[in-house]
PDB file of N, CA and C in Angstrom:
ATOM      1  N   MET A   1       0.833  -1.247   0.433  1.00  0.00           N
ATOM      2  CA  MET A   1      -0.074   0.014  -0.047  1.00  0.00           C
ATOM      3  C   MET A   1       1.347   0.748  -0.145  1.00  0.00           C
ATOM      4  N   ALA A   2       0.916   2.245  -1.248  1.00  0.00           N
ATOM      5  CA  ALA A   2       1.323   3.126  -1.269  1.00  0.00           C
ATOM      6  C   ALA A   2       0.641   4.915  -0.638  1.00  0.00           C
ATOM      7  N   THR A   3       1.502   5.613   0.102  1.00  0.00           N
ATOM      8  CA  THR A   3       0.816   6.578   0.324  1.00  0.00           C
ATOM      9  C   THR A   3       1.644   7.629  -1.132  1.00  0.00           C
ATOM     10  N   ARG A   4      -0.094   8.086  -0.967  1.00  0.00           N
ATOM     11  CA  ARG A   4       0.036   9.188  -2.560  1.00  0.00           C
ATOM     12  C   ARG A   4      -0.348  10.340  -1.542  1.00  0.00           C
ATOM     13  N   PRO A   5       0.409  11.554  -2.094  1.00  0.00           N
ATOM     14  CA  PRO A   5       0.541  12.645  -1.478  1.00  0.00           C
ATOM     15  C   PRO A   5      -0.560  13.910  -2.289  1.00  0.00           C
ATOM     16  N   GLY A   6      -1.420  14.522  -1.502  1.00  0.00           N
ATOM     17  CA  GLY A   6      -1.798  15.397  -1.890  1.00  0.00           C
ATOM     18  C   GLY A   6      -1.209  16.598  -2.116  1.00  0.00           C
ATOM     19  N   LEU A   7      -2.338  17.075  -3.740  1.00  0.00           N
ATOM     20  CA  LEU A   7      -2.170  18.799  -3.954  1.00  0.00           C
ATOM     21  C   LEU A   7      -2.547  19.853  -3.176  1.00  0.00           C
ATOM     22  N   GLY A   8      -2.602  20.101  -1.958  1.00  0.00           N
ATOM     23  CA  GLY A   8      -4.092  21.322  -1.741  1.00  0.00           C
ATOM     24  C   GLY A   8      -3.372  22.453  -2.318  1.00  0.00           C
ATOM     25  N   THR A   9      -4.232  23.897  -3.051  1.00  0.00           N
ATOM     26  CA  THR A   9      -4.535  24.843  -3.161  1.00  0.00           C
ATOM     27  C   THR A   9      -5.789  25.406  -2.784  1.00  0.00           C
ATOM     28  N   TRP A  10      -5.402  27.532  -2.843  1.00  0.00           N
ATOM     29  CA  TRP A  10      -6.994  28.243  -2.402  1.00  0.00           C
ATOM     30  C   TRP A  10      -7.521  28.248  -3.405  1.00  0.00           C
ATOM     31  N   ILE A  11      -8.922  28.312  -3.826  1.00  0.00           N
ATOM     32  CA  ILE A  11      -9.629  28.893  -4.565  1.00  0.00           C
ATOM     33  C   ILE A  11      -9.650  30.202  -4.626  1.00  0.00           C
ATOM     34  N   THR A  12     -10.098  30.611  -3.981  1.00  0.00           N
ATOM     35  CA  THR A  12     -10.490  31.689  -3.547  1.00  0.00           C
ATOM     36  C   THR A  12     -10.674  31.360  -1.777  1.00  0.00           C
ATOM     37  N   ARG A  13     -11.214  32.965  -1.657  1.00  0.00           N
ATOM     38  CA  ARG A  13     -11.205  33.186   0.803  1.00  0.00           C
ATOM     39  C   ARG A  13     -12.313  32.305   1.135  1.00  0.00           C
ATOM     40  N   GLY A  14     -10.810  31.638   2.201  1.00  0.00           N
ATOM     41  CA  GLY A  14     -12.190  30.642   2.883  1.00  0.00           C
ATOM     42  C   GLY A  14     -12.458  29.666   1.768  1.00  0.00           C
ATOM     43  N   VAL A  15     -12.012  29.058   1.166  1.00  0.00           N
ATOM     44  CA  VAL A  15     -12.553  27.808  -0.591  1.00  0.00           C
ATOM     45  C   VAL A  15     -10.818  27.351  -0.392  1.00  0.00           C
ATOM     46  N   HIS A  16     -11.046  25.462   0.504  1.00  0.00           N
ATOM     47  CA  HIS A  16      -9.583  24.911  -0.353  1.00  0.00           C
ATOM     48  C   HIS A  16     -10.215  23.879  -1.033  1.00  0.00           C
ATOM     49  N   ARG A  17      -9.320  23.726  -2.129  1.00  0.00           N
ATOM     50  CA  ARG A  17      -8.895  21.545  -2.743  1.00  0.00           C
ATOM     51  C   ARG A  17      -7.955  21.494  -2.323  1.00  0.00           C
ATOM     52  N   MET A  18      -8.148  20.601  -2.488  1.00  0.00           N
ATOM     53  CA  MET A  18      -7.076  19.031  -1.983  1.00  0.00           C
ATOM     54  C   MET A  18      -7.329  18.090  -3.089  1.00  0.00           C
ATOM     55  N   PHE A  19      -6.062  17.522  -3.289  1.00  0.00           N
ATOM     56  CA  PHE A  19      -6.506  16.551  -5.059  1.00  0.00           C
ATOM     57  C   PHE A  19      -5.250  15.454  -4.517  1.00  0.00           C
ATOM     58  N   TRP A  20      -5.665  14.195  -4.506  1.00  0.00           N
ATOM     59  CA  TRP A  20      -5.064  12.749  -4.761  1.00  0.00           C
ATOM     60  C   TRP A  20      -5.329  12.256  -6.051  1.00  0.00           C
ATOM     61  N   GLU A  21      -3.630  12.538  -7.535  1.00  0.00           N
ATOM     62  CA  GLU A  21      -4.348  12.068  -8.380  1.00  0.00           C
ATOM     63  C   GLU A  21      -3.432  10.699  -8.191  1.00  0.00           C
ATOM     64  N   THR A  22      -3.899   9.367  -9.166  1.00  0.00           N
ATOM     65  CA  THR A  22      -3.613   8.405  -9.736  1.00  0.00           C
ATOM     66  C   THR A  22      -3.724   7.265  -8.053  1.00  0.00           C
ATOM     67  N   LEU A  23      -4.167   7.320  -7.393  1.00  0.00           N
ATOM     68  CA  LEU A  23      -4.994   6.311  -6.471  1.00  0.00           C
ATOM     69  C   LEU A  23      -5.041   4.630  -6.770  1.00  0.00           C
ATOM     70  N   ALA A  24      -3.828   3.956  -6.666  1.00  0.00           N
ATOM     71  CA  ALA A  24      -3.937   2.648  -7.338  1.00  0.00           C
ATOM     72  C   ALA A  24      -5.541   1.798  -5.983  1.00  0.00           C
ATOM     73  N   ASP A  25      -4.182   0.120  -6.940  1.00  0.00           N
ATOM     74  CA  ASP A  25      -5.542  -0.192  -6.105  1.00  0.00           C
ATOM     75  C   ASP A  25      -4.176  -0.232  -4.625  1.00  0.00           C
ATOM     76  N   ALA A  26      -5.413  -0.991  -3.384  1.00  0.00           N
ATOM     77  CA  ALA A  26      -4.361  -0.516  -1.717  1.00  0.00           C
ATOM     78  C   ALA A  26      -3.734   0.987  -1.724  1.00  0.00           C
ATOM     79  N   ASP A  27      -3.860   1.506  -1.999  1.00  0.00           N
ATOM     80  CA  ASP A  27      -3.611   3.308  -2.194  1.00  0.00           C
ATOM     81  C   ASP A  27      -4.426   3.855  -0.761  1.00  0.00           C
ATOM     82  N   SER A  28      -3.308   4.501   0.065  1.00  0.00           N
ATOM     83  CA  SER A  28      -4.046   5.317   0.673  1.00  0.00           C
ATOM     84  C   SER A  28      -3.299   7.249   0.059  1.00  0.00           C
ATOM     85  N   GLY A  29      -4.420   7.954   0.661  1.00  0.00           N
ATOM     86  CA  GLY A  29      -3.938   9.173   0.335  1.00  0.00           C
ATOM     87  C   GLY A  29      -3.194   9.738   1.870  1.00  0.00           C
ATOM     88  N   SER A  30      -2.581  10.767   1.047  1.00  0.00           N
ATOM     89  CA  SER A  30      -1.971  11.644   2.326  1.00  0.00           C
ATOM     90  C   SER A  30      -2.732  12.081   3.614  1.00  0.00           C
ATOM     91  N   ALA A  31      -3.340  12.500   4.806  1.00  0.00           N
ATOM     92  CA  ALA A  31      -4.031  12.929   5.409  1.00  0.00           C
ATOM     93  C   ALA A  31      -4.176  14.090   5.384  1.00  0.00           C
ATOM     94  N   TYR A  32      -5.257  15.290   5.193  1.00  0.00           N
ATOM     95  CA  TYR A  32      -5.326  16.555   4.962  1.00  0.00           C
ATOM     96  C   TYR A  32      -6.401  16.782   6.160  1.00  0.00           C
ATOM     97  N   SER A  33      -5.953  17.749   6.869  1.00  0.00           N
ATOM     98  CA  SER A  33      -6.057  18.753   7.907  1.00  0.00           C
ATOM     99  C   SER A  33      -6.965  19.877   8.003  1.00  0.00           C
ATOM    100  N   ALA A  34      -7.694  20.339   7.723  1.00  0.00           N
ATOM    101  CA  ALA A  34      -8.545  21.438   7.319  1.00  0.00           C
ATOM    102  C   ALA A  34      -9.895  21.264   8.117  1.00  0.00           C
ATOM    103  N   PRO A  35      -9.787  21.286   9.855  1.00  0.00           N
ATOM    104  CA  PRO A  35     -10.669  21.149  10.704  1.00  0.00           C
ATOM    105  C   PRO A  35     -11.151  23.074  10.750  1.00  0.00           C
ATOM    106  N   ASN A  36     -10.649  23.934  10.577  1.00  0.00           N
ATOM    107  CA  ASN A  36     -11.064  24.823   9.916  1.00  0.00           C
ATOM    108  C   ASN A  36     -12.357  25.247   9.290  1.00  0.00           C
ATOM    109  N   LEU A  37     -12.104  24.707   7.744  1.00  0.00           N
ATOM    110  CA  LEU A  37     -12.975  24.680   6.727  1.00  0.00           C
ATOM    111  C   LEU A  37     -14.102  23.311   6.730  1.00  0.00           C
ATOM    112  N   PRO A  38     -15.044  23.136   7.455  1.00  0.00           N
ATOM    113  CA  PRO A  38     -16.323  22.637   8.323  1.00  0.00           C
ATOM    114  C   PRO A  38     -17.089  21.770   7.243  1.00  0.00           C
ATOM    115  N   ASP A  39     -17.549  23.025   6.150  1.00  0.00           N
ATOM    116  CA  ASP A  39     -18.166  22.659   4.961  1.00  0.00           C
ATOM    117  C   ASP A  39     -17.309  21.748   3.954  1.00  0.00           C
ATOM    118  N   LYS A  40     -17.600  20.138   3.690  1.00  0.00           N
ATOM    119  CA  LYS A  40     -16.266  19.857   2.409  1.00  0.00           C
ATOM    120  C   LYS A  40     -17.505  18.501   1.836  1.00  0.00           C
ATOM    121  N   THR A  41     -17.170  18.173   0.672  1.00  0.00           N
ATOM    122  CA  THR A  41     -17.472  17.903   0.107  1.00  0.00           C
ATOM    123  C   THR A  41     -16.548  17.062  -1.348  1.00  0.00           C
ATOM    124  N   VAL A  42     -16.767  15.254  -1.165  1.00  0.00           N
ATOM    125  CA  VAL A  42     -15.498  14.810  -2.287  1.00  0.00           C
ATOM    126  C   VAL A  42     -16.206  14.434  -3.260  1.00  0.00           C
ATOM    127  N   GLN A  43     -15.162  14.364  -4.279  1.00  0.00           N
ATOM    128  CA  GLN A  43     -15.792  13.497  -6.148  1.00  0.00           C
ATOM    129  C   GLN A  43     -14.642  12.506  -6.007  1.00  0.00           C
ATOM    130  N   ILE A  44     -15.291  11.758  -6.905  1.00  0.00           N
ATOM    131  CA  ILE A  44     -14.710  10.617  -7.145  1.00  0.00           C
ATOM    132  C   ILE A  44     -14.591  10.248  -9.019  1.00  0.00           C
ATOM    133  N   THR A  45     -13.211  10.820  -9.208  1.00  0.00           N
ATOM    134  CA  THR A  45     -13.186  10.395 -10.763  1.00  0.00           C
ATOM    135  C   THR A  45     -11.937   9.780 -11.318  1.00  0.00           C
ATOM    136  N   GLY A  46     -12.007   9.001 -12.385  1.00  0.00           N
ATOM    137  CA  GLY A  46     -11.016   8.380 -13.185  1.00  0.00           C
ATOM    138  C   GLY A  46     -11.823   6.584 -13.105  1.00  0.00           C
ATOM    139  N   THR A  47     -10.568   5.281 -12.923  1.00  0.00           N
ATOM    140  CA  THR A  47     -11.245   4.282 -13.328  1.00  0.00           C
ATOM    141  C   THR A  47     -11.133   2.855 -12.194  1.00  0.00           C
ATOM    142  N   HIS A  48     -12.510   2.970 -11.572  1.00  0.00           N
ATOM    143  CA  HIS A  48     -12.188   1.951 -10.215  1.00  0.00           C
ATOM    144  C   HIS A  48     -11.312   0.762 -10.311  1.00  0.00           C
ATOM    145  N   GLY A  49     -11.727  -0.092 -11.673  1.00  0.00           N
ATOM    146  CA  GLY A  49     -11.092  -0.818 -11.409  1.00  0.00           C
ATOM    147  C   GLY A  49     -11.282  -2.239 -10.401  1.00  0.00           C
ATOM    148  N   GLY A  50     -12.845  -2.182  -9.750  1.00  0.00           N
ATOM    149  CA  GLY A  50     -13.372  -3.422  -9.185  1.00  0.00           C
ATOM    150  C   GLY A  50     -13.030  -2.961  -7.743  1.00  0.00           C
ATOM    151  N   ALA A  51     -12.392  -1.920  -7.393  1.00  0.00           N
ATOM    152  CA  ALA A  51     -12.271  -1.362  -6.287  1.00  0.00           C
ATOM    153  C   ALA A  51     -12.881  -0.587  -5.023  1.00  0.00           C
ATOM    154  N   THR A  52     -12.852  -0.294  -4.056  1.00  0.00           N
ATOM    155  CA  THR A  52     -13.822   0.496  -3.458  1.00  0.00           C
ATOM    156  C   THR A  52     -12.895   1.537  -2.701  1.00  0.00           C
ATOM    157  N   THR A  53     -13.161   2.755  -2.379  1.00  0.00           N
ATOM    158  CA  THR A  53     -12.620   3.656  -2.296  1.00  0.00           C
ATOM    159  C   THR A  53     -13.641   4.531  -0.974  1.00  0.00           C
ATOM    160  N   VAL A  54     -12.642   4.286  -0.373  1.00  0.00           N
ATOM    161  CA  VAL A  54     -13.765   5.257   1.240  1.00  0.00           C
ATOM    162  C   VAL A  54     -12.440   6.344   1.301  1.00  0.00           C
ATOM    163  N   ILE A  55     -13.500   7.371   2.501  1.00  0.00           N
ATOM    164  CA  ILE A  55     -13.470   8.466   2.600  1.00  0.00           C
ATOM    165  C   ILE A  55     -12.852   7.985   3.866  1.00  0.00           C
ATOM    166  N   GLN A  56     -12.124   8.207   4.826  1.00  0.00           N
ATOM    167  CA  GLN A  56     -11.904   8.087   6.296  1.00  0.00           C
ATOM    168  C   GLN A  56     -11.036   9.084   7.137  1.00  0.00           C
ATOM    169  N   GLY A  57     -11.253   8.961   8.149  1.00  0.00           N
ATOM    170  CA  GLY A  57     -11.494  10.943   9.049  1.00  0.00           C
ATOM    171  C   GLY A  57     -10.628  10.060  10.185  1.00  0.00           C
ATOM    172  N   SER A  58      -9.614  11.158  10.833  1.00  0.00           N
ATOM    173  CA  SER A  58      -8.939  10.525  12.393  1.00  0.00           C
ATOM    174  C   SER A  58      -9.169  12.027  13.005  1.00  0.00           C
ATOM    175  N   ASN A  59      -9.272  12.407  14.352  1.00  0.00           N
ATOM    176  CA  ASN A  59      -8.652  12.918  15.390  1.00  0.00           C
ATOM    177  C   ASN A  59      -6.905  12.902  15.340  1.00  0.00           C
ATOM    178  N   ASP A  60      -7.086  11.770  15.473  1.00  0.00           N
ATOM    179  CA  ASP A  60      -5.431  11.846  16.336  1.00  0.00           C
ATOM    180  C   ASP A  60      -4.303  11.059  15.702  1.00  0.00           C
ATOM    181  N   GLY A  61      -4.918  10.947  13.777  1.00  0.00           N
ATOM    182  CA  GLY A  61      -3.876   9.933  12.600  1.00  0.00           C
ATOM    183  C   GLY A  61      -3.043   8.820  12.703  1.00  0.00           C
ATOM    184  N   VAL A  62      -4.124   8.474  13.347  1.00  0.00           N
ATOM    185  CA  VAL A  62      -3.052   7.481  14.168  1.00  0.00           C
ATOM    186  C   VAL A  62      -4.506   6.394  13.887  1.00  0.00           C
ATOM    187  N   THR A  63      -5.895   6.122  14.187  1.00  0.00           N
ATOM    188  CA  THR A  63      -6.836   5.182  14.043  1.00  0.00           C
ATOM    189  C   THR A  63      -8.229   5.906  12.952  1.00  0.00           C
ATOM    190  N   TRP A  64      -7.700   5.336  12.075  1.00  0.00           N
ATOM    191  CA  TRP A  64      -9.082   5.396  11.372  1.00  0.00           C
ATOM    192  C   TRP A  64     -10.299   4.817  11.364  1.00  0.00           C
ATOM    193  N   ASP A  65     -11.516   6.000  10.957  1.00  0.00           N
ATOM    194  CA  ASP A  65     -12.562   4.785  10.549  1.00  0.00           C
ATOM    195  C   ASP A  65     -13.059   5.941   9.227  1.00  0.00           C
ATOM    196  N   THR A  66     -14.520   5.457   9.149  1.00  0.00           N
ATOM    197  CA  THR A  66     -15.035   5.721   7.605  1.00  0.00           C
ATOM    198  C   THR A  66     -16.072   7.434   7.789  1.00  0.00           C
ATOM    199  N   LEU A  67     -16.120   7.648   7.227  1.00  0.00           N
ATOM    200  CA  LEU A  67     -17.325   9.122   7.728  1.00  0.00           C
ATOM    201  C   LEU A  67     -18.190   8.148   6.693  1.00  0.00           C
ATOM    202  N   LYS A  68     -18.591   9.654   6.783  1.00  0.00           N
ATOM    203  CA  LYS A  68     -20.199   9.428   6.173  1.00  0.00           C
ATOM    204  C   LYS A  68     -20.970  10.927   5.443  1.00  0.00           C
ATOM    205  N   ASP A  69     -22.000  10.444   4.530  1.00  0.00           N
ATOM    206  CA  ASP A  69     -22.270  11.530   3.926  1.00  0.00           C
ATOM    207  C   ASP A  69     -23.428  12.110   4.593  1.00  0.00           C
ATOM    208  N   ILE A  70     -24.219  13.440   4.432  1.00  0.00           N
ATOM    209  CA  ILE A  70     -25.111  13.701   5.190  1.00  0.00           C
ATOM    210  C   ILE A  70     -26.308  13.089   5.070  1.00  0.00           C
ATOM    211  N   ASN A  71     -26.889  12.279   4.392  1.00  0.00           N
ATOM    212  CA  ASN A  71     -27.611  11.269   4.598  1.00  0.00           C
ATOM    213  C   ASN A  71     -27.675  10.341   5.694  1.00  0.00           C
ATOM    214  N   GLY A  72     -26.365   9.934   5.881  1.00  0.00           N
ATOM    215  CA  GLY A  72     -26.068   8.772   7.230  1.00  0.00           C
ATOM    216  C   GLY A  72     -25.404   7.848   6.776  1.00  0.00           C
ATOM    217  N   ASN A  73     -25.476   7.849   5.235  1.00  0.00           N
ATOM    218  CA  ASN A  73     -24.518   7.061   4.514  1.00  0.00           C
ATOM    219  C   ASN A  73     -23.024   6.735   4.814  1.00  0.00           C
ATOM    220  N   ASP A  74     -22.255   5.182   4.055  1.00  0.00           N
ATOM    221  CA  ASP A  74     -21.034   5.585   4.450  1.00  0.00           C
ATOM    222  C   ASP A  74     -20.440   6.092   3.063  1.00  0.00           C
ATOM    223  N   LEU A  75     -18.927   7.146   3.307  1.00  0.00           N
ATOM    224  CA  LEU A  75     -18.808   7.664   1.995  1.00  0.00           C
ATOM    225  C   LEU A  75     -17.637   5.960   1.675  1.00  0.00           C
ATOM    226  N   SER A  76     -18.459   5.142   1.172  1.00  0.00           N
ATOM    227  CA  SER A  76     -17.617   4.600   0.177  1.00  0.00           C
ATOM    228  C   SER A  76     -18.167   3.754  -1.569  1.00  0.00           C
ATOM    229  N   PHE A  77     -17.396   3.894  -2.127  1.00  0.00           N
ATOM    230  CA  PHE A  77     -17.569   4.394  -3.263  1.00  0.00           C
ATOM    231  C   PHE A  77     -17.009   2.985  -4.366  1.00  0.00           C
ATOM    232  N   THR A  78     -17.928   2.220  -4.783  1.00  0.00           N
ATOM    233  CA  THR A  78     -17.644   1.303  -5.626  1.00  0.00           C
ATOM    234  C   THR A  78     -18.165   2.041  -7.926  1.00  0.00           C
ATOM    235  N   THR A  79     -17.661   3.002  -7.620  1.00  0.00           N
ATOM    236  CA  THR A  79     -17.992   3.606  -8.798  1.00  0.00           C
ATOM    237  C   THR A  79     -17.379   5.188  -8.820  1.00  0.00           C
ATOM    238  N   THR A  80     -16.854   5.927 -10.227  1.00  0.00           N
ATOM    239  CA  THR A  80     -16.480   6.961 -10.709  1.00  0.00           C
ATOM    240  C   THR A  80     -17.440   7.929 -10.655  1.00  0.00           C
ATOM    241  N   PHE A  81     -16.819   9.127 -10.937  1.00  0.00           N
ATOM    242  CA  PHE A  81     -17.982  10.190 -10.709  1.00  0.00           C
ATOM    243  C   PHE A  81     -18.360  10.495  -9.619  1.00  0.00           C
ATOM    244  N   ASP A  82     -18.804  10.149  -9.250  1.00  0.00           N
ATOM    245  CA  ASP A  82     -19.315  10.673  -7.314  1.00  0.00           C
ATOM    246  C   ASP A  82     -19.308  11.294  -6.896  1.00  0.00           C
ATOM    247  N   THR A  83     -19.993  12.906  -6.385  1.00  0.00           N
ATOM    248  CA  THR A  83     -19.545  13.056  -5.441  1.00  0.00           C
ATOM    249  C   THR A  83     -20.973  13.598  -4.137  1.00  0.00           C
ATOM    250  N   ARG A  84     -20.057  13.878  -2.948  1.00  0.00           N
ATOM    251  CA  ARG A  84     -21.035  13.502  -1.765  1.00  0.00           C
ATOM    252  C   ARG A  84     -20.613  15.377  -0.981  1.00  0.00           C
ATOM    253  N   ALA A  85     -21.421  15.495  -0.464  1.00  0.00           N
ATOM    254  CA  ALA A  85     -21.304  16.451   1.352  1.00  0.00           C
ATOM    255  C   ALA A  85     -20.454  15.171   2.031  1.00  0.00           C
ATOM    256  N   ILE A  86     -20.130  15.471   2.654  1.00  0.00           N
ATOM    257  CA  ILE A  86     -19.155  15.340   4.042  1.00  0.00           C
ATOM    258  C   ILE A  86     -19.893  15.333   5.227  1.00  0.00           C
ATOM    259  N   ALA A  87     -21.061  14.828   6.304  1.00  0.00           N
ATOM    260  CA  ALA A  87     -21.154  15.161   7.693  1.00  0.00           C
ATOM    261  C   ALA A  87     -19.944  15.264   8.394  1.00  0.00           C
ATOM    262  N   GLU A  88     -18.992  14.716   8.587  1.00  0.00           N
ATOM    263  CA  GLU A  88     -17.753  14.731   9.838  1.00  0.00           C
ATOM    264  C   GLU A  88     -16.494  16.615   9.619  1.00  0.00           C
ATOM    265  N   ASN A  89     -16.250  16.241  10.278  1.00  0.00           N
ATOM    266  CA  ASN A  89     -15.053  17.090  10.466  1.00  0.00           C
ATOM    267  C   ASN A  89     -14.474  17.363  11.253  1.00  0.00           C
ATOM    268  N   PRO A  90     -14.101  15.819  10.960  1.00  0.00           N
ATOM    269  CA  PRO A  90     -12.767  15.721  12.124  1.00  0.00           C
ATOM    270  C   PRO A  90     -11.307  16.293  11.512  1.00  0.00           C
ATOM    271  N   ARG A  91      -9.797  16.351  12.631  1.00  0.00           N
ATOM    272  CA  ARG A  91      -9.372  16.862  12.381  1.00  0.00           C
ATOM    273  C   ARG A  91      -8.220  16.432  10.795  1.00  0.00           C
ATOM    274  N   TYR A  92      -7.837  15.255  10.776  1.00  0.00           N
ATOM    275  CA  TYR A  92      -7.619  14.086   9.529  1.00  0.00           C
ATOM    276  C   TYR A  92      -8.290  13.693   8.664  1.00  0.00           C
ATOM    277  N   ILE A  93      -8.219  13.857   7.403  1.00  0.00           N
ATOM    278  CA  ILE A  93      -9.497  13.292   6.352  1.00  0.00           C
ATOM    279  C   ILE A  93      -8.112  12.786   5.422  1.00  0.00           C
ATOM    280  N   ARG A  94      -8.461  11.327   4.593  1.00  0.00           N
ATOM    281  CA  ARG A  94      -8.102  10.726   4.046  1.00  0.00           C
ATOM    282  C   ARG A  94      -8.818   9.922   2.862  1.00  0.00           C
ATOM    283  N   PRO A  95      -8.534   9.623   1.771  1.00  0.00           N
ATOM    284  CA  PRO A  95      -9.020   8.639   0.370  1.00  0.00           C
ATOM    285  C   PRO A  95      -7.997   7.390   0.717  1.00  0.00           C
ATOM    286  N   THR A  96      -8.721   6.033   0.559  1.00  0.00           N
ATOM    287  CA  THR A  96      -8.054   4.411   1.322  1.00  0.00           C
ATOM    288  C   THR A  96      -8.417   4.269   0.100  1.00  0.00           C
ATOM    289  N   THR A  97      -8.221   3.189  -1.237  1.00  0.00           N
ATOM    290  CA  THR A  97      -8.255   2.010  -1.892  1.00  0.00           C
ATOM    291  C   THR A  97      -7.988   0.654  -0.958  1.00  0.00           C
ATOM    292  N   SER A  98      -9.002  -0.185  -1.849  1.00  0.00           N
ATOM    293  CA  SER A  98      -8.696  -1.752  -1.105  1.00  0.00           C
ATOM    294  C   SER A  98      -9.447  -2.429  -2.303  1.00  0.00           C
ATOM    295  N   GLY A  99      -8.732  -3.830  -3.040  1.00  0.00           N
ATOM    296  CA  GLY A  99      -9.282  -4.349  -4.112  1.00  0.00           C
ATOM    297  C   GLY A  99      -9.223  -3.925  -5.282  1.00  0.00           C
ATOM    298  N   GLY A 100      -9.339  -4.988  -6.095  1.00  0.00           N
ATOM    299  CA  GLY A 100      -9.744  -3.846  -7.731  1.00  0.00           C
ATOM    300  C   GLY A 100      -8.940  -4.408  -8.313  1.00  0.00           C
ATOM    301  N   SER A 101      -8.559  -4.095  -9.521  1.00  0.00           N
ATOM    302  CA  SER A 101      -7.224  -4.187 -10.210  1.00  0.00           C
ATOM    303  C   SER A 101      -7.842  -3.594 -11.574  1.00  0.00           C
ATOM    304  N   GLY A 102      -5.954  -2.610 -11.692  1.00  0.00           N
ATOM    305  CA  GLY A 102      -6.102  -1.272 -12.855  1.00  0.00           C
ATOM    306  C   GLY A 102      -6.995  -0.329 -12.499  1.00  0.00           C
ATOM    307  N   THR A 103      -6.614  -0.435 -11.019  1.00  0.00           N
ATOM    308  CA  THR A 103      -7.199   1.249 -10.451  1.00  0.00           C
ATOM    309  C   THR A 103      -6.807   2.956 -11.278  1.00  0.00           C
ATOM    310  N   ASP A 104      -7.250   3.181 -10.667  1.00  0.00           N
ATOM    311  CA  ASP A 104      -6.433   4.752 -11.362  1.00  0.00           C
ATOM    312  C   ASP A 104      -7.810   5.768 -11.209  1.00  0.00           C
ATOM    313  N   LEU A 105      -7.315   6.119  -9.878  1.00  0.00           N
ATOM    314  CA  LEU A 105      -8.877   7.289  -9.607  1.00  0.00           C
ATOM    315  C   LEU A 105      -7.696   8.539  -8.852  1.00  0.00           C
ATOM    316  N   ASP A 106      -8.603   9.099  -9.072  1.00  0.00           N
ATOM    317  CA  ASP A 106      -8.515  11.162  -8.549  1.00  0.00           C
ATOM    318  C   ASP A 106      -9.307  11.498  -7.414  1.00  0.00           C
ATOM    319  N   VAL A 107      -9.011  11.896  -6.686  1.00  0.00           N
ATOM    320  CA  VAL A 107     -10.223  11.836  -5.122  1.00  0.00           C
ATOM    321  C   VAL A 107     -10.329  13.440  -5.733  1.00  0.00           C
ATOM    322  N   THR A 108     -11.019  14.397  -5.107  1.00  0.00           N
ATOM    323  CA  THR A 108     -10.878  15.837  -4.561  1.00  0.00           C
ATOM    324  C   THR A 108     -12.246  15.980  -3.572  1.00  0.00           C
ATOM    325  N   ILE A 109     -11.160  16.763  -2.402  1.00  0.00           N
ATOM    326  CA  ILE A 109     -12.536  17.255  -1.816  1.00  0.00           C
ATOM    327  C   ILE A 109     -12.238  19.016  -1.895  1.00  0.00           C
ATOM    328  N   ILE A 110     -13.609  19.404  -1.419  1.00  0.00           N
ATOM    329  CA  ILE A 110     -13.514  20.714  -2.034  1.00  0.00           C
ATOM    330  C   ILE A 110     -13.874  21.254  -0.423  1.00  0.00           C
ATOM    331  N   ALA A 111     -12.813  22.115   0.235  1.00  0.00           N
ATOM    332  CA  ALA A 111     -13.262  22.498   1.495  1.00  0.00           C
ATOM    333  C   ALA A 111     -13.789  23.552   1.790  1.00  0.00           C
ATOM    334  N   GLN A 112     -14.655  24.420   2.824  1.00  0.00           N
ATOM    335  CA  GLN A 112     -14.817  25.580   2.429  1.00  0.00           C
ATOM    336  C   GLN A 112     -15.159  25.794   4.495  1.00  0.00           C
ATOM    337  N   SER A 113     -14.806  27.458   4.434  1.00  0.00           N
ATOM    338  CA  SER A 113     -15.403  27.479   6.351  1.00  0.00           C
ATOM    339  C   SER A 113     -17.585  28.523   5.856  1.00  0.00           C
ATOM    340  N   SER A 114     -17.611  28.265   7.125  1.00  0.00           N
ATOM    341  CA  SER A 114     -19.017  28.895   7.151  1.00  0.00           C
ATOM    342  C   SER A 114     -19.467  30.134   6.175  1.00  0.00           C
ATOM    343  N   ARG A 115     -17.524  30.661   6.707  1.00  0.00           N
ATOM    344  CA  ARG A 115     -17.820  32.360   6.496  1.00  0.00           C
ATOM    345  C   ARG A 115     -17.193  32.842   5.492  1.00  0.00           C
ATOM    346  N   ARG A 116     -17.338  33.141   3.995  1.00  0.00           N
ATOM    347  CA  ARG A 116     -16.479  33.502   3.479  1.00  0.00           C
ATOM    348  C   ARG A 116     -16.589  35.318   3.500  1.00  0.00           C
TER     349      ARG A 116
END
């Protein structure tokens, strides 16, 4: 399992974009820390290759749990081109992949403050 670094950029005042490129089979993204930007949306694009992509959160950077969307569903994806709002706001967030063959995914999180 490789840890892929994410690339963070400010889009505008109070809006940040975190992007992990080319997640393959059994990869994880580097931890993203933006608890000061509580409104987050995740988008998955690329080729799943039978993999499952999960968005995880942690407050200590050691113990990771699957986060939920605003409807209470696990943020677990088996198809691409899916976008969902993230309900929780832990200190760290990361994407992980498991299973599959030929997986090539990009994960984007847009995070924004409630005040802009």
